[in-house]
Amino acid sequence: MRQSVNRQVRHVPAGREYLTFRLGTEEYGIDILKVQEIRSYEPPTKIANAPAYLKGVVNLRGVIVPIVDLRVKFNCVGDDGQAEISSFTVVIVLNVKGRIVGAVVDSVSDVMQLSEQMIQPAPEMSDALVDTTYITGIANINERLLILMDIESLMSSAEMGLIKQLAEQH
């Protein structure tokens, strides 16, 4: 039996700041408090048999950091199925539940402060067509849509396999 999903916008404190970035032609936003730093892209060391979106690992000041290409994960790639690396391509270094993870994006745009009134719920869509699990809402800013993403839930999901679930530790 399938549970119904509540599609309301999660409570957003007044004036929460988001780091905005591009994946393909779309603009996304994540909670700025999850961002540790932004780095220029450097090719990671590949890991055998890793999913296509897991580009590999890099050594960041003595810490081995997995690098996830969000463009590949969300299918924001070119017609050839490849995500191109340009001079604007960056890695957003995230601190997710105490674990450091890198996310490759096409470019970083801005840091934006959004009030709760600016954010609308994500549209209801069939889970078979579109996975909106990690979308917390959509903001309309000067006639452009900003997709707000719960980056912590995405990176710590069992599907990603990057962060051990608490249940596994007990």
Protein backbone atom coordinates (compact mmCIF):
# COMPACT_ATOMS: atom_id res chain seq x y z
CA MET A 1 0.00 0.00 0.00
CA ARG A 2 1.44 3.32 -1.03
CA GLN A 3 1.62 6.22 1.41
CA SER A 4 0.33 9.57 0.31
CA VAL A 5 3.01 12.22 0.07
CA ASN A 6 2.45 15.64 1.57
CA ARG A 7 3.52 18.13 -1.11
CA GLN A 8 3.46 21.26 1.04
CA VAL A 9 6.52 23.44 1.33
CA ARG A 10 8.53 22.54 4.41
CA HIS A 11 8.78 25.33 6.97
CA VAL A 12 11.49 27.76 5.91
CA PRO A 13 12.66 30.26 8.51
CA ALA A 14 12.33 33.88 7.39
CA GLY A 15 15.35 34.97 5.43
CA ARG A 16 17.06 31.61 4.86
CA GLU A 17 20.01 31.91 2.48
CA TYR A 18 20.54 29.64 -0.51
CA LEU A 19 23.53 29.08 -2.74
CA THR A 20 22.23 29.06 -6.32
CA PHE A 21 23.87 27.08 -9.11
CA ARG A 22 23.20 25.75 -12.59
CA LEU A 23 22.74 22.20 -13.80
CA GLY A 24 22.33 22.43 -17.55
CA THR A 25 19.80 25.19 -18.23
CA GLU A 26 18.08 24.97 -14.84
CA GLU A 27 18.88 26.90 -11.68
CA TYR A 28 18.89 25.20 -8.28
CA GLY A 29 19.33 26.37 -4.71
CA ILE A 30 20.67 24.66 -1.60
CA ASP A 31 20.87 25.78 2.02
CA ILE A 32 24.05 27.86 2.35
CA LEU A 33 24.66 26.34 5.80
CA LYS A 34 25.49 22.97 4.15
CA VAL A 35 28.22 24.55 1.98
CA GLN A 36 31.77 24.36 3.28
CA GLU A 37 33.55 25.86 0.25
CA ILE A 38 33.49 26.16 -3.54
CA ARG A 39 36.47 24.85 -5.49
CA SER A 40 37.47 24.80 -9.12
CA TYR A 41 36.97 21.43 -10.78
CA GLU A 42 39.90 19.04 -10.78
CA PRO A 43 39.59 15.52 -12.20
CA PRO A 44 39.05 13.06 -9.33
CA THR A 45 40.64 9.63 -8.97
CA LYS A 46 38.14 7.21 -10.48
CA ILE A 47 36.73 4.28 -8.50
CA ALA A 48 36.12 1.00 -10.35
CA ASN A 49 32.47 -0.05 -10.83
CA ALA A 50 31.12 3.20 -9.34
CA PRO A 51 27.81 4.55 -10.71
CA ALA A 52 28.24 7.14 -13.50
CA TYR A 53 27.33 10.06 -11.20
CA LEU A 54 30.12 9.16 -8.72
CA LYS A 55 33.11 10.69 -10.49
CA GLY A 56 35.64 9.43 -7.94
CA VAL A 57 37.48 10.88 -4.96
CA VAL A 58 39.85 13.76 -4.26
CA ASN A 59 42.20 14.45 -1.37
CA LEU A 60 41.06 17.67 0.28
CA ARG A 61 43.59 18.67 2.94
CA GLY A 62 44.07 15.05 4.03
CA VAL A 63 40.40 14.06 3.80
CA ILE A 64 39.30 11.68 1.01
CA VAL A 65 36.15 13.27 -0.44
CA PRO A 66 33.71 11.50 -2.81
CA ILE A 67 32.78 13.65 -5.82
CA VAL A 68 29.19 13.39 -7.13
CA ASP A 69 28.31 14.93 -10.49
CA LEU A 70 24.81 16.32 -9.92
CA ARG A 71 24.50 16.97 -13.66
CA VAL A 72 24.75 13.23 -14.32
CA LYS A 73 22.62 12.30 -11.28
CA PHE A 74 19.76 14.53 -12.46
CA ASN A 75 20.26 13.81 -16.16
CA CYS A 76 21.22 17.43 -16.97
CA VAL A 77 23.67 16.37 -19.65
CA GLY A 78 24.16 17.06 -23.35
CA ASP A 79 22.62 15.12 -26.21
CA ASP A 80 25.66 12.84 -26.16
CA GLY A 81 24.94 11.87 -22.54
CA GLN A 82 28.06 13.64 -21.30
CA ALA A 83 28.39 16.49 -18.82
CA GLU A 84 30.95 18.92 -20.21
CA ILE A 85 33.66 20.46 -18.08
CA SER A 86 34.15 24.19 -18.68
CA SER A 87 36.00 27.00 -16.97
CA PHE A 88 32.79 27.66 -14.99
CA THR A 89 32.43 24.06 -13.71
CA VAL A 90 32.97 23.94 -9.95
CA VAL A 91 32.77 21.56 -7.02
CA ILE A 92 30.60 22.63 -4.12
CA VAL A 93 32.13 21.06 -1.01
CA LEU A 94 29.31 20.13 1.37
CA ASN A 95 29.22 19.09 5.00
CA VAL A 96 26.40 16.56 5.20
CA LYS A 97 25.77 14.92 8.57
CA GLY A 98 29.41 15.32 9.50
CA ARG A 99 30.69 13.86 6.20
CA ILE A 100 32.41 15.91 3.49
CA VAL A 101 31.07 15.38 -0.04
CA GLY A 102 31.77 17.25 -3.27
CA ALA A 103 29.05 18.09 -5.81
CA VAL A 104 29.97 19.00 -9.41
CA VAL A 105 27.76 21.72 -10.95
CA ASP A 106 27.94 23.72 -14.19
CA SER A 107 28.38 27.05 -12.39
CA VAL A 108 27.61 28.85 -9.15
CA SER A 109 25.35 31.87 -9.54
CA ASP A 110 24.69 33.71 -6.30
CA VAL A 111 23.77 33.59 -2.63
CA MET A 112 20.12 34.53 -2.30
CA GLN A 113 17.93 35.24 0.71
CA LEU A 114 14.43 33.82 0.34
CA SER A 115 11.43 34.33 2.59
CA GLU A 116 8.81 31.65 3.13
CA GLN A 117 6.34 33.66 1.00
CA MET A 118 8.64 33.44 -2.02
CA ILE A 119 8.62 29.62 -2.04
CA GLN A 120 5.86 27.53 -3.60
CA PRO A 121 5.41 23.76 -3.18
CA ALA A 122 6.85 21.49 -5.84
CA PRO A 123 4.16 20.35 -8.30
CA GLU A 124 2.64 16.93 -7.77
CA MET A 125 3.89 14.45 -10.32
CA SER A 126 3.81 10.70 -10.60
CA ASP A 127 6.83 9.21 -8.84
CA ALA A 128 7.16 6.91 -11.86
CA LEU A 129 7.83 9.95 -14.07
CA VAL A 130 9.76 12.37 -11.86
CA ASP A 131 11.40 11.90 -8.48
CA THR A 132 10.60 15.09 -6.55
CA THR A 133 11.66 13.62 -3.19
CA TYR A 134 14.59 16.02 -2.83
CA ILE A 135 12.80 19.15 -4.04
CA THR A 136 11.66 21.29 -1.11
CA GLY A 137 9.99 23.98 -3.20
CA ILE A 138 10.24 26.35 -6.14
CA ALA A 139 10.87 30.07 -5.90
CA ASN A 140 9.88 32.51 -8.65
CA ILE A 141 12.49 35.28 -8.68
CA ASN A 142 12.22 37.96 -11.36
CA GLU A 143 10.42 35.60 -13.76
CA ARG A 144 12.97 32.81 -13.35
CA LEU A 145 12.29 29.62 -11.44
CA LEU A 146 14.70 28.42 -8.77
CA ILE A 147 14.36 24.76 -7.76
CA LEU A 148 15.17 24.37 -4.06
CA MET A 149 16.85 21.10 -3.20
CA ASP A 150 17.28 19.26 0.11
CA ILE A 151 20.94 18.45 -0.52
CA GLU A 152 21.40 16.78 2.87
CA SER A 153 18.59 14.27 2.24
CA LEU A 154 19.87 13.60 -1.28
CA MET A 155 23.49 13.01 -0.29
CA SER A 156 22.58 10.93 2.76
CA SER A 157 19.98 8.81 0.93
CA ALA A 158 20.44 5.04 0.76
CA GLU A 159 20.31 5.36 -3.05
CA MET A 160 23.47 7.48 -3.06
CA GLY A 161 25.22 5.20 -0.59
CA LEU A 162 27.65 7.92 0.50
CA ILE A 163 26.77 8.15 4.18
CA LYS A 164 26.05 5.17 6.39
CA GLN A 165 22.56 5.22 7.75
CA LEU A 166 22.17 5.34 11.53
CA ALA A 167 20.23 2.08 11.47
CA GLU A 168 23.27 0.28 10.07
CA GLN A 169 25.43 1.45 12.97
CA HIS A 170 23.22 -0.10 15.68
